[in-house]
Each structure stands twice: as C-alpha cells, then as structure tokens.
Amino acid sequence: MIIYNVTANIDESIHGEWLAWIKDHIPEVLSTGKFNKATLTRVLVKEDMGGVTYSIQYRAHSREALDAYYEEDAQRMRADAIKRFADKMVAFRTELELIDEYFVDINPN
C-alpha cells in the first residue's frame, strides 16, 4: 500500500479557516476513488518558522491509483489551496510505502 502524505504549515492568522477548509477538502480527495482512507493529524513538534503544522495521510489503493491521481486530479485539488492560502501556507508531499502494521489489543477480554 502507498501512503500519499501532505505536510502543511499554516500561518496562525488563517488556521481556523484552513482547518475548516481541509475538513471539506479531504472528502473531495477521497471522492476521486484513488484512496480508501485519509487521516488528518496535527504535528506536535514546534516549527522554527511558527505556524501550525498538519499531516494528511491518504492511503492509495495501489501505485497505479496514486499515479492516476497525479495525472487526473492533483493539479485541480492543489489549485484551490493555492488560490485560498498561497502566501499563508507551505506544503510538501511525500510518498510512503506501507511495509507492515502492528496492533495491540489493549482490552484482552
């Protein structure tokens, strides 16, 4: 499985607006059919640049699905963020390959 990770640092002056927007944006990305799950997390490490940092992890069905997202959807999806928040956010993207997952049953009953 491939995880498409978007890390974004948001200027505190638009933090609330961005957070509301991203909560609507994530379902739009999922509606492309290229991903089966998304996780929105706040990065707890303070950045020297200030702001608030988030990581959004989208789980792609396959490498081919992620490539199709790049070709068919990514430019359109990124354009809205750039239009709204261009000078108030910085984002970078990484791809992660899921090797294995481990779970612990904390309630063994």
Protein backbone atom coordinates (compact mmCIF):
# COMPACT_ATOMS: atom_id res chain seq x y z
CA MET A 1 0.00 0.00 0.00
CA ILE A 2 1.17 3.53 -0.77
CA ILE A 3 0.54 6.44 1.58
CA TYR A 4 0.43 9.88 -0.01
CA ASN A 5 1.42 12.28 2.76
CA VAL A 6 0.82 16.03 2.59
CA THR A 7 2.50 18.06 5.34
CA ALA A 8 1.32 21.65 5.58
CA ASN A 9 2.46 24.52 7.80
CA ILE A 10 -0.36 27.02 8.26
CA ASP A 11 0.02 30.63 9.37
CA GLU A 12 -1.83 31.12 12.64
CA SER A 13 -3.82 34.04 11.14
CA ILE A 14 -5.75 31.63 8.88
CA HIS A 15 -5.55 28.47 10.98
CA GLY A 16 -9.29 28.22 11.72
CA GLU A 17 -10.29 28.94 8.13
CA TRP A 18 -7.76 26.40 6.79
CA LEU A 19 -8.85 23.70 9.25
CA ALA A 20 -12.50 24.09 8.23
CA TRP A 21 -11.46 24.00 4.56
CA ILE A 22 -9.27 20.90 4.88
CA LYS A 23 -12.07 19.00 6.61
CA ASP A 24 -14.18 19.61 3.48
CA HIS A 25 -11.26 19.06 1.10
CA ILE A 26 -10.30 15.59 2.36
CA PRO A 27 -13.67 14.04 1.38
CA GLU A 28 -13.26 15.66 -2.06
CA VAL A 29 -9.89 13.95 -2.48
CA LEU A 30 -11.39 10.64 -1.33
CA SER A 31 -14.23 11.07 -3.82
CA THR A 32 -11.71 10.70 -6.67
CA GLY A 33 -11.80 6.98 -5.95
CA LYS A 34 -8.00 6.74 -5.79
CA PHE A 35 -7.77 6.44 -1.99
CA ASN A 36 -9.58 4.32 0.57
CA LYS A 37 -8.72 6.20 3.78
CA ALA A 38 -7.40 9.53 4.98
CA THR A 39 -6.03 10.60 8.34
CA LEU A 40 -5.66 14.22 9.48
CA THR A 41 -3.09 14.73 12.23
CA ARG A 42 -1.55 17.75 13.91
CA VAL A 43 2.24 17.73 14.15
CA LEU A 44 3.20 18.38 17.77
CA VAL A 45 6.79 19.44 17.11
CA LYS A 46 7.05 23.25 17.07
CA GLU A 47 8.47 24.70 13.88
CA ASP A 48 11.08 27.48 13.99
CA MET A 49 9.05 29.23 11.31
CA GLY A 50 6.00 29.30 13.58
CA GLY A 51 2.53 28.41 12.43
CA VAL A 52 0.64 25.17 12.94
CA THR A 53 1.68 22.03 11.08
CA TYR A 54 -0.57 19.18 9.95
CA SER A 55 -0.04 15.90 8.15
CA ILE A 56 -2.75 14.43 5.97
CA GLN A 57 -2.14 10.81 5.01
CA TYR A 58 -4.14 9.36 2.14
CA ARG A 59 -3.97 5.61 1.61
CA ALA A 60 -3.92 4.79 -2.08
CA HIS A 61 -5.41 1.57 -3.41
CA SER A 62 -2.19 0.97 -5.37
CA ARG A 63 0.78 2.67 -7.03
CA GLU A 64 -1.32 2.88 -10.18
CA ALA A 65 -4.13 4.63 -8.29
CA LEU A 66 -1.72 7.23 -6.93
CA ASP A 67 -0.24 7.78 -10.39
CA ALA A 68 -3.76 8.22 -11.77
CA TYR A 69 -4.46 10.77 -9.02
CA TYR A 70 -1.38 12.74 -10.08
CA GLU A 71 -2.43 12.65 -13.73
CA GLU A 72 -6.18 13.22 -13.33
CA ASP A 73 -6.82 15.11 -10.08
CA ALA A 74 -3.80 16.54 -8.26
CA GLN A 75 -3.48 19.81 -10.16
CA ARG A 76 -7.17 20.64 -9.67
CA MET A 77 -7.08 19.69 -5.99
CA ARG A 78 -3.97 21.76 -5.29
CA ALA A 79 -5.28 24.81 -7.18
CA ASP A 80 -7.98 25.55 -4.62
CA ALA A 81 -5.49 25.56 -1.73
CA ILE A 82 -3.09 27.78 -3.66
CA LYS A 83 -5.88 30.20 -4.57
CA ARG A 84 -7.12 30.47 -0.98
CA PHE A 85 -3.96 30.23 1.11
CA ALA A 86 -0.97 30.76 -1.20
CA ASP A 87 1.02 33.18 0.94
CA LYS A 88 -0.14 31.77 4.30
CA MET A 89 0.80 28.11 3.98
CA VAL A 90 3.68 25.93 2.90
CA ALA A 91 3.10 22.31 1.90
CA PHE A 92 5.24 19.42 0.80
CA ARG A 93 4.30 15.94 -0.26
CA THR A 94 5.93 12.56 0.30
CA GLU A 95 5.11 9.01 -0.67
CA LEU A 96 5.41 6.24 1.86
CA GLU A 97 5.28 2.51 1.26
CA LEU A 98 3.46 0.63 4.00
CA ILE A 99 5.57 -2.38 4.90
CA ASP A 100 3.62 -3.76 7.84
CA GLU A 101 1.17 -2.74 10.56
CA TYR A 102 1.07 -3.94 14.13
CA PHE A 103 -1.78 -3.69 16.60
CA VAL A 104 -2.07 -4.38 20.29
CA ASP A 105 -5.35 -5.41 21.87
CA ILE A 106 -5.46 -3.22 24.97
CA ASN A 107 -8.66 -4.88 26.16
CA PRO A 108 -7.87 -8.61 26.07
CA ASN A 109 -11.24 -9.71 27.48
